[in-house]
Amino acid sequence: MCVNRGRKVSSFEMLEAMTQDTDLRRIPVVMCSGSTRERDKERSRSLGAIGYLIKPVRFEHLRPMIAKAPGTGLPQEDAAGPPVLMRKG
């Protein structure tokens, strides 16, 4: 997850640098911002983000985005459901 409003480097600059690096571009990124502006959402998508969440972030909104990313191991059919807590037993 990339939270917008970085201090030294903006999240958009970081995402752009990641897409130009052959190793880093494979990492799925979800942008997290307080901005509701459509242009920020579009810019995130154009730079390769798999999702855009508006703060405050809720887990049930993040989970389906993560499930869509290749290699996460989270089954898509479980993505929309509530988080499951595993207990040792």
PDB file of N, CA and C in Angstrom:
ATOM      1  N   MET A   1       0.860  -1.161   0.000  1.00  0.00           N
ATOM      2  CA  MET A   1       0.000   0.000   0.000  1.00  0.00           C
ATOM      3  C   MET A   1       0.905   1.222   0.000  1.00  0.00           C
ATOM      4  N   CYS A   2       0.553   2.164  -0.792  1.00  0.00           N
ATOM      5  CA  CYS A   2       1.306   3.408  -0.911  1.00  0.00           C
ATOM      6  C   CYS A   2       0.402   4.551  -0.450  1.00  0.00           C
ATOM      7  N   VAL A   3       0.816   5.235   0.600  1.00  0.00           N
ATOM      8  CA  VAL A   3       0.024   6.332   1.136  1.00  0.00           C
ATOM      9  C   VAL A   3       0.487   7.631   0.501  1.00  0.00           C
ATOM     10  N   ASN A   4      -0.451   8.340  -0.114  1.00  0.00           N
ATOM     11  CA  ASN A   4      -0.131   9.582  -0.799  1.00  0.00           C
ATOM     12  C   ASN A   4       0.290  10.652   0.207  1.00  0.00           C
ATOM     13  N   ARG A   5       1.015  11.611  -0.230  1.00  0.00           N
ATOM     14  CA  ARG A   5       1.532  12.731   0.556  1.00  0.00           C
ATOM     15  C   ARG A   5       2.872  12.414   1.198  1.00  0.00           C
ATOM     16  N   GLY A   6       3.752  11.773   0.425  1.00  0.00           N
ATOM     17  CA  GLY A   6       5.093  11.526   0.915  1.00  0.00           C
ATOM     18  C   GLY A   6       5.824  12.839   1.133  1.00  0.00           C
ATOM     19  N   ARG A   7       6.798  12.824   2.002  1.00  0.00           N
ATOM     20  CA  ARG A   7       7.495  14.064   2.331  1.00  0.00           C
ATOM     21  C   ARG A   7       8.572  14.413   1.311  1.00  0.00           C
ATOM     22  N   LYS A   8       9.522  13.527   1.093  1.00  0.00           N
ATOM     23  CA  LYS A   8      10.618  13.833   0.179  1.00  0.00           C
ATOM     24  C   LYS A   8      10.270  13.469  -1.259  1.00  0.00           C
ATOM     25  N   VAL A   9       9.525  12.399  -1.412  1.00  0.00           N
ATOM     26  CA  VAL A   9       9.109  11.937  -2.736  1.00  0.00           C
ATOM     27  C   VAL A   9       7.611  11.681  -2.661  1.00  0.00           C
ATOM     28  N   SER A  10       6.873  12.200  -3.621  1.00  0.00           N
ATOM     29  CA  SER A  10       5.426  11.950  -3.605  1.00  0.00           C
ATOM     30  C   SER A  10       5.155  10.490  -3.957  1.00  0.00           C
ATOM     31  N   SER A  11       4.000  10.029  -3.570  1.00  0.00           N
ATOM     32  CA  SER A  11       3.609   8.660  -3.876  1.00  0.00           C
ATOM     33  C   SER A  11       3.537   8.430  -5.375  1.00  0.00           C
ATOM     34  N   PHE A  12       3.114   9.446  -6.107  1.00  0.00           N
ATOM     35  CA  PHE A  12       3.057   9.320  -7.562  1.00  0.00           C
ATOM     36  C   PHE A  12       4.463   9.162  -8.141  1.00  0.00           C
ATOM     37  N   GLU A  13       5.420   9.913  -7.623  1.00  0.00           N
ATOM     38  CA  GLU A  13       6.805   9.798  -8.093  1.00  0.00           C
ATOM     39  C   GLU A  13       7.369   8.416  -7.766  1.00  0.00           C
ATOM     40  N   MET A  14       7.053   7.914  -6.570  1.00  0.00           N
ATOM     41  CA  MET A  14       7.522   6.593  -6.184  1.00  0.00           C
ATOM     42  C   MET A  14       6.918   5.520  -7.081  1.00  0.00           C
ATOM     43  N   LEU A  15       5.623   5.615  -7.348  1.00  0.00           N
ATOM     44  CA  LEU A  15       4.961   4.645  -8.203  1.00  0.00           C
ATOM     45  C   LEU A  15       5.522   4.695  -9.628  1.00  0.00           C
ATOM     46  N   GLU A  16       5.773   5.885 -10.112  1.00  0.00           N
ATOM     47  CA  GLU A  16       6.362   6.020 -11.452  1.00  0.00           C
ATOM     48  C   GLU A  16       7.750   5.380 -11.500  1.00  0.00           C
ATOM     49  N   ALA A  17       8.561   5.590 -10.473  1.00  0.00           N
ATOM     50  CA  ALA A  17       9.889   4.975 -10.420  1.00  0.00           C
ATOM     51  C   ALA A  17       9.781   3.458 -10.351  1.00  0.00           C
ATOM     52  N   MET A  18       8.792   2.963  -9.611  1.00  0.00           N
ATOM     53  CA  MET A  18       8.605   1.516  -9.514  1.00  0.00           C
ATOM     54  C   MET A  18       8.250   0.907 -10.866  1.00  0.00           C
ATOM     55  N   THR A  19       7.431   1.586 -11.650  1.00  0.00           N
ATOM     56  CA  THR A  19       7.027   1.032 -12.949  1.00  0.00           C
ATOM     57  C   THR A  19       8.184   1.019 -13.944  1.00  0.00           C
ATOM     58  N   GLN A  20       9.195   1.821 -13.699  1.00  0.00           N
ATOM     59  CA  GLN A  20      10.357   1.865 -14.587  1.00  0.00           C
ATOM     60  C   GLN A  20      11.429   0.852 -14.195  1.00  0.00           C
ATOM     61  N   ASP A  21      11.292   0.230 -13.037  1.00  0.00           N
ATOM     62  CA  ASP A  21      12.248  -0.765 -12.557  1.00  0.00           C
ATOM     63  C   ASP A  21      11.700  -2.156 -12.851  1.00  0.00           C
ATOM     64  N   THR A  22      12.490  -2.987 -13.526  1.00  0.00           N
ATOM     65  CA  THR A  22      11.996  -4.301 -13.951  1.00  0.00           C
ATOM     66  C   THR A  22      11.624  -5.208 -12.785  1.00  0.00           C
ATOM     67  N   ASP A  23      12.284  -5.087 -11.647  1.00  0.00           N
ATOM     68  CA  ASP A  23      11.948  -5.912 -10.485  1.00  0.00           C
ATOM     69  C   ASP A  23      10.768  -5.337  -9.707  1.00  0.00           C
ATOM     70  N   LEU A  24      10.779  -4.026  -9.490  1.00  0.00           N
ATOM     71  CA  LEU A  24       9.745  -3.402  -8.661  1.00  0.00           C
ATOM     72  C   LEU A  24       8.392  -3.324  -9.345  1.00  0.00           C
ATOM     73  N   ARG A  25       8.352  -3.305 -10.662  1.00  0.00           N
ATOM     74  CA  ARG A  25       7.059  -3.163 -11.353  1.00  0.00           C
ATOM     75  C   ARG A  25       6.144  -4.358 -11.129  1.00  0.00           C
ATOM     76  N   ARG A  26       6.711  -5.478 -10.667  1.00  0.00           N
ATOM     77  CA  ARG A  26       5.896  -6.670 -10.406  1.00  0.00           C
ATOM     78  C   ARG A  26       5.162  -6.597  -9.067  1.00  0.00           C
ATOM     79  N   ILE A  27       5.505  -5.615  -8.222  1.00  0.00           N
ATOM     80  CA  ILE A  27       4.875  -5.480  -6.908  1.00  0.00           C
ATOM     81  C   ILE A  27       3.539  -4.754  -7.063  1.00  0.00           C
ATOM     82  N   PRO A  28       2.435  -5.396  -6.674  1.00  0.00           N
ATOM     83  CA  PRO A  28       1.144  -4.722  -6.778  1.00  0.00           C
ATOM     84  C   PRO A  28       1.060  -3.584  -5.752  1.00  0.00           C
ATOM     85  N   VAL A  29       0.559  -2.440  -6.193  1.00  0.00           N
ATOM     86  CA  VAL A  29       0.465  -1.259  -5.327  1.00  0.00           C
ATOM     87  C   VAL A  29      -0.981  -0.773  -5.271  1.00  0.00           C
ATOM     88  N   VAL A  30      -1.447  -0.513  -4.059  1.00  0.00           N
ATOM     89  CA  VAL A  30      -2.734   0.132  -3.840  1.00  0.00           C
ATOM     90  C   VAL A  30      -2.431   1.514  -3.278  1.00  0.00           C
ATOM     91  N   MET A  31      -2.909   2.534  -3.953  1.00  0.00           N
ATOM     92  CA  MET A  31      -2.712   3.904  -3.470  1.00  0.00           C
ATOM     93  C   MET A  31      -3.744   4.206  -2.395  1.00  0.00           C
ATOM     94  N   CYS A  32      -3.307   4.911  -1.371  1.00  0.00           N
ATOM     95  CA  CYS A  32      -4.176   5.283  -0.260  1.00  0.00           C
ATOM     96  C   CYS A  32      -4.052   6.790  -0.064  1.00  0.00           C
ATOM     97  N   SER A  33      -5.167   7.510  -0.184  1.00  0.00           N
ATOM     98  CA  SER A  33      -5.116   8.962  -0.152  1.00  0.00           C
ATOM     99  C   SER A  33      -6.385   9.538   0.468  1.00  0.00           C
ATOM    100  N   GLY A  34      -6.273  10.741   0.947  1.00  0.00           N
ATOM    101  CA  GLY A  34      -7.444  11.470   1.408  1.00  0.00           C
ATOM    102  C   GLY A  34      -8.139  12.195   0.274  1.00  0.00           C
ATOM    103  N   SER A  35      -7.537  12.173  -0.901  1.00  0.00           N
ATOM    104  CA  SER A  35      -8.070  12.883  -2.060  1.00  0.00           C
ATOM    105  C   SER A  35      -9.187  12.093  -2.733  1.00  0.00           C
ATOM    106  N   THR A  36     -10.278  12.773  -3.005  1.00  0.00           N
ATOM    107  CA  THR A  36     -11.381  12.157  -3.747  1.00  0.00           C
ATOM    108  C   THR A  36     -11.386  12.616  -5.205  1.00  0.00           C
ATOM    109  N   ARG A  37     -10.361  13.360  -5.600  1.00  0.00           N
ATOM    110  CA  ARG A  37     -10.305  13.887  -6.976  1.00  0.00           C
ATOM    111  C   ARG A  37     -10.123  12.761  -7.986  1.00  0.00           C
ATOM    112  N   GLU A  38     -10.948  12.781  -8.992  1.00  0.00           N
ATOM    113  CA  GLU A  38     -10.891  11.762 -10.045  1.00  0.00           C
ATOM    114  C   GLU A  38      -9.537  11.765 -10.752  1.00  0.00           C
ATOM    115  N   ARG A  39      -8.934  12.920 -10.918  1.00  0.00           N
ATOM    116  CA  ARG A  39      -7.630  12.977 -11.609  1.00  0.00           C
ATOM    117  C   ARG A  39      -6.550  12.233 -10.835  1.00  0.00           C
ATOM    118  N   ASP A  40      -6.624  12.224  -9.490  1.00  0.00           N
ATOM    119  CA  ASP A  40      -5.657  11.471  -8.694  1.00  0.00           C
ATOM    120  C   ASP A  40      -5.876   9.970  -8.859  1.00  0.00           C
ATOM    121  N   LYS A  41      -7.131   9.549  -8.909  1.00  0.00           N
ATOM    122  CA  LYS A  41      -7.437   8.137  -9.133  1.00  0.00           C
ATOM    123  C   LYS A  41      -6.943   7.695 -10.507  1.00  0.00           C
ATOM    124  N   GLU A  42      -7.212   8.504 -11.519  1.00  0.00           N
ATOM    125  CA  GLU A  42      -6.782   8.183 -12.886  1.00  0.00           C
ATOM    126  C   GLU A  42      -5.259   8.144 -12.996  1.00  0.00           C
ATOM    127  N   ARG A  43      -4.603   9.089 -12.357  1.00  0.00           N
ATOM    128  CA  ARG A  43      -3.137   9.118 -12.396  1.00  0.00           C
ATOM    129  C   ARG A  43      -2.569   7.858 -11.753  1.00  0.00           C
ATOM    130  N   SER A  44      -3.151   7.435 -10.649  1.00  0.00           N
ATOM    131  CA  SER A  44      -2.702   6.206  -9.982  1.00  0.00           C
ATOM    132  C   SER A  44      -2.852   5.001 -10.902  1.00  0.00           C
ATOM    133  N   ARG A  45      -4.017   4.907 -11.550  1.00  0.00           N
ATOM    134  CA  ARG A  45      -4.250   3.791 -12.476  1.00  0.00           C
ATOM    135  C   ARG A  45      -3.284   3.836 -13.648  1.00  0.00           C
ATOM    136  N   SER A  46      -3.047   5.024 -14.184  1.00  0.00           N
ATOM    137  CA  SER A  46      -2.157   5.132 -15.346  1.00  0.00           C
ATOM    138  C   SER A  46      -0.712   4.787 -14.987  1.00  0.00           C
ATOM    139  N   LEU A  47      -0.364   4.938 -13.723  1.00  0.00           N
ATOM    140  CA  LEU A  47       0.987   4.598 -13.270  1.00  0.00           C
ATOM    141  C   LEU A  47       1.098   3.142 -12.819  1.00  0.00           C
ATOM    142  N   GLY A  48      -0.013   2.405 -12.906  1.00  0.00           N
ATOM    143  CA  GLY A  48       0.046   0.978 -12.636  1.00  0.00           C
ATOM    144  C   GLY A  48      -0.507   0.508 -11.310  1.00  0.00           C
ATOM    145  N   ALA A  49      -1.105   1.392 -10.514  1.00  0.00           N
ATOM    146  CA  ALA A  49      -1.692   0.959  -9.245  1.00  0.00           C
ATOM    147  C   ALA A  49      -2.864   0.017  -9.520  1.00  0.00           C
ATOM    148  N   ILE A  50      -3.005  -1.012  -8.688  1.00  0.00           N
ATOM    149  CA  ILE A  50      -4.112  -1.962  -8.873  1.00  0.00           C
ATOM    150  C   ILE A  50      -5.378  -1.483  -8.182  1.00  0.00           C
ATOM    151  N   GLY A  51      -5.258  -0.432  -7.374  1.00  0.00           N
ATOM    152  CA  GLY A  51      -6.430   0.089  -6.690  1.00  0.00           C
ATOM    153  C   GLY A  51      -6.150   1.449  -6.077  1.00  0.00           C
ATOM    154  N   TYR A  52      -7.216   2.099  -5.664  1.00  0.00           N
ATOM    155  CA  TYR A  52      -7.133   3.426  -5.050  1.00  0.00           C
ATOM    156  C   TYR A  52      -8.153   3.475  -3.929  1.00  0.00           C
ATOM    157  N   LEU A  53      -7.673   3.705  -2.710  1.00  0.00           N
ATOM    158  CA  LEU A  53      -8.558   3.775  -1.553  1.00  0.00           C
ATOM    159  C   LEU A  53      -8.506   5.169  -0.955  1.00  0.00           C
ATOM    160  N   ILE A  54      -9.655   5.610  -0.480  1.00  0.00           N
ATOM    161  CA  ILE A  54      -9.737   6.920   0.162  1.00  0.00           C
ATOM    162  C   ILE A  54      -9.724   6.700   1.675  1.00  0.00           C
ATOM    163  N   LYS A  55      -8.870   7.461   2.356  1.00  0.00           N
ATOM    164  CA  LYS A  55      -8.770   7.342   3.810  1.00  0.00           C
ATOM    165  C   LYS A  55     -10.045   7.844   4.481  1.00  0.00           C
ATOM    166  N   PRO A  56     -10.441   7.276   5.586  1.00  0.00           N
ATOM    167  CA  PRO A  56      -9.817   6.158   6.289  1.00  0.00           C
ATOM    168  C   PRO A  56     -10.094   4.845   5.564  1.00  0.00           C
ATOM    169  N   VAL A  57      -9.086   3.990   5.540  1.00  0.00           N
ATOM    170  CA  VAL A  57      -9.157   2.725   4.813  1.00  0.00           C
ATOM    171  C   VAL A  57      -9.796   1.662   5.697  1.00  0.00           C
ATOM    172  N   ARG A  58     -10.673   0.897   5.086  1.00  0.00           N
ATOM    173  CA  ARG A  58     -11.302  -0.226   5.784  1.00  0.00           C
ATOM    174  C   ARG A  58     -10.813  -1.521   5.130  1.00  0.00           C
ATOM    175  N   PHE A  59     -10.519  -2.515   5.943  1.00  0.00           N
ATOM    176  CA  PHE A  59      -9.973  -3.773   5.454  1.00  0.00           C
ATOM    177  C   PHE A  59     -10.853  -4.406   4.396  1.00  0.00           C
ATOM    178  N   GLU A  60     -12.166  -4.323   4.569  1.00  0.00           N
ATOM    179  CA  GLU A  60     -13.054  -4.975   3.601  1.00  0.00           C
ATOM    180  C   GLU A  60     -12.999  -4.324   2.225  1.00  0.00           C
ATOM    181  N   HIS A  61     -12.472  -3.109   2.117  1.00  0.00           N
ATOM    182  CA  HIS A  61     -12.279  -2.467   0.812  1.00  0.00           C
ATOM    183  C   HIS A  61     -10.923  -2.842   0.212  1.00  0.00           C
ATOM    184  N   LEU A  62      -9.936  -3.091   1.070  1.00  0.00           N
ATOM    185  CA  LEU A  62      -8.595  -3.435   0.606  1.00  0.00           C
ATOM    186  C   LEU A  62      -8.497  -4.888   0.145  1.00  0.00           C
ATOM    187  N   ARG A  63      -9.138  -5.771   0.852  1.00  0.00           N
ATOM    188  CA  ARG A  63      -9.011  -7.203   0.581  1.00  0.00           C
ATOM    189  C   ARG A  63      -9.353  -7.603  -0.864  1.00  0.00           C
ATOM    190  N   PRO A  64     -10.443  -7.110  -1.469  1.00  0.00           N
ATOM    191  CA  PRO A  64     -10.725  -7.493  -2.862  1.00  0.00           C
ATOM    192  C   PRO A  64      -9.647  -7.011  -3.836  1.00  0.00           C
ATOM    193  N   MET A  65      -9.041  -5.871  -3.567  1.00  0.00           N
ATOM    194  CA  MET A  65      -7.973  -5.373  -4.446  1.00  0.00           C
ATOM    195  C   MET A  65      -6.751  -6.275  -4.365  1.00  0.00           C
ATOM    196  N   ILE A  66      -6.426  -6.699  -3.150  1.00  0.00           N
ATOM    197  CA  ILE A  66      -5.271  -7.584  -2.980  1.00  0.00           C
ATOM    198  C   ILE A  66      -5.534  -8.925  -3.657  1.00  0.00           C
ATOM    199  N   ALA A  67      -6.763  -9.432  -3.554  1.00  0.00           N
ATOM    200  CA  ALA A  67      -7.098 -10.724  -4.150  1.00  0.00           C
ATOM    201  C   ALA A  67      -6.943 -10.716  -5.663  1.00  0.00           C
ATOM    202  N   LYS A  68      -7.130  -9.572  -6.295  1.00  0.00           N
ATOM    203  CA  LYS A  68      -7.009  -9.475  -7.753  1.00  0.00           C
ATOM    204  C   LYS A  68      -5.560  -9.495  -8.216  1.00  0.00           C
ATOM    205  N   ALA A  69      -4.635  -9.144  -7.328  1.00  0.00           N
ATOM    206  CA  ALA A  69      -3.220  -9.087  -7.695  1.00  0.00           C
ATOM    207  C   ALA A  69      -2.664 -10.495  -7.827  1.00  0.00           C
ATOM    208  N   PRO A  70      -1.914 -10.753  -8.898  1.00  0.00           N
ATOM    209  CA  PRO A  70      -1.357 -12.093  -9.094  1.00  0.00           C
ATOM    210  C   PRO A  70      -0.334 -12.423  -8.006  1.00  0.00           C
ATOM    211  N   GLY A  71      -0.362 -13.674  -7.578  1.00  0.00           N
ATOM    212  CA  GLY A  71       0.646 -14.151  -6.642  1.00  0.00           C
ATOM    213  C   GLY A  71       0.396 -13.849  -5.179  1.00  0.00           C
ATOM    214  N   THR A  72      -0.765 -13.301  -4.844  1.00  0.00           N
ATOM    215  CA  THR A  72      -1.009 -12.980  -3.439  1.00  0.00           C
ATOM    216  C   THR A  72      -1.462 -14.193  -2.640  1.00  0.00           C
ATOM    217  N   GLY A  73      -2.010 -15.192  -3.314  1.00  0.00           N
ATOM    218  CA  GLY A  73      -2.465 -16.386  -2.630  1.00  0.00           C
ATOM    219  C   GLY A  73      -3.826 -16.237  -1.970  1.00  0.00           C
ATOM    220  N   LEU A  74      -4.451 -15.085  -2.107  1.00  0.00           N
ATOM    221  CA  LEU A  74      -5.771 -14.872  -1.516  1.00  0.00           C
ATOM    222  C   LEU A  74      -6.827 -15.258  -2.550  1.00  0.00           C
ATOM    223  N   PRO A  75      -7.640 -16.271  -2.249  1.00  0.00           N
ATOM    224  CA  PRO A  75      -8.658 -16.689  -3.227  1.00  0.00           C
ATOM    225  C   PRO A  75      -9.654 -15.576  -3.507  1.00  0.00           C
ATOM    226  N   GLN A  76      -9.955 -15.366  -4.773  1.00  0.00           N
ATOM    227  CA  GLN A  76     -10.880 -14.294  -5.134  1.00  0.00           C
ATOM    228  C   GLN A  76     -12.271 -14.539  -4.581  1.00  0.00           C
ATOM    229  N   GLU A  77     -12.697 -15.798  -4.476  1.00  0.00           N
ATOM    230  CA  GLU A  77     -14.045 -16.044  -3.964  1.00  0.00           C
ATOM    231  C   GLU A  77     -14.161 -15.662  -2.494  1.00  0.00           C
ATOM    232  N   ASP A  78     -13.040 -15.606  -1.773  1.00  0.00           N
ATOM    233  CA  ASP A  78     -13.047 -15.202  -0.370  1.00  0.00           C
ATOM    234  C   ASP A  78     -12.785 -13.714  -0.201  1.00  0.00           C
ATOM    235  N   ALA A  79     -12.480 -13.038  -1.282  1.00  0.00           N
ATOM    236  CA  ALA A  79     -12.005 -11.654  -1.191  1.00  0.00           C
ATOM    237  C   ALA A  79     -13.041 -10.698  -0.634  1.00  0.00           C
ATOM    238  N   ALA A  80     -14.300 -10.919  -0.921  1.00  0.00           N
ATOM    239  CA  ALA A  80     -15.324  -9.966  -0.491  1.00  0.00           C
ATOM    240  C   ALA A  80     -15.822 -10.247   0.917  1.00  0.00           C
ATOM    241  N   GLY A  81     -15.484 -11.407   1.461  1.00  0.00           N
ATOM    242  CA  GLY A  81     -15.978 -11.769   2.779  1.00  0.00           C
ATOM    243  C   GLY A  81     -15.220 -11.087   3.899  1.00  0.00           C
ATOM    244  N   PRO A  82     -15.710 -11.236   5.106  1.00  0.00           N
ATOM    245  CA  PRO A  82     -15.046 -10.626   6.255  1.00  0.00           C
ATOM    246  C   PRO A  82     -13.717 -11.319   6.537  1.00  0.00           C
ATOM    247  N   PRO A  83     -12.787 -10.637   7.182  1.00  0.00           N
ATOM    248  CA  PRO A  83     -11.520 -11.280   7.493  1.00  0.00           C
ATOM    249  C   PRO A  83     -11.744 -12.462   8.440  1.00  0.00           C
ATOM    250  N   VAL A  84     -10.964 -13.497   8.243  1.00  0.00           N
ATOM    251  CA  VAL A  84     -11.083 -14.688   9.067  1.00  0.00           C
ATOM    252  C   VAL A  84      -9.889 -14.734  10.007  1.00  0.00           C
ATOM    253  N   LEU A  85     -10.162 -14.847  11.297  1.00  0.00           N
ATOM    254  CA  LEU A  85      -9.096 -14.937  12.284  1.00  0.00           C
ATOM    255  C   LEU A  85      -8.843 -16.394  12.593  1.00  0.00           C
ATOM    256  N   MET A  86      -7.605 -16.794  12.492  1.00  0.00           N
ATOM    257  CA  MET A  86      -7.238 -18.181  12.780  1.00  0.00           C
ATOM    258  C   MET A  86      -6.793 -18.273  14.231  1.00  0.00           C
ATOM    259  N   ARG A  87      -7.301 -19.255  14.938  1.00  0.00           N
ATOM    260  CA  ARG A  87      -6.915 -19.450  16.341  1.00  0.00           C
ATOM    261  C   ARG A  87      -6.091 -20.715  16.449  1.00  0.00           C
ATOM    262  N   LYS A  88      -5.057 -20.640  17.269  1.00  0.00           N
ATOM    263  CA  LYS A  88      -4.267 -21.840  17.534  1.00  0.00           C
ATOM    264  C   LYS A  88      -5.077 -22.714  18.478  1.00  0.00           C
ATOM    265  N   GLY A  89      -5.025 -24.029  18.198  1.00  0.00           N
ATOM    266  CA  GLY A  89      -5.880 -24.734  18.970  1.00  0.00           C
ATOM    267  C   GLY A  89      -5.884 -25.965  19.556  1.00  0.00           C
TER     268      GLY A  89
END
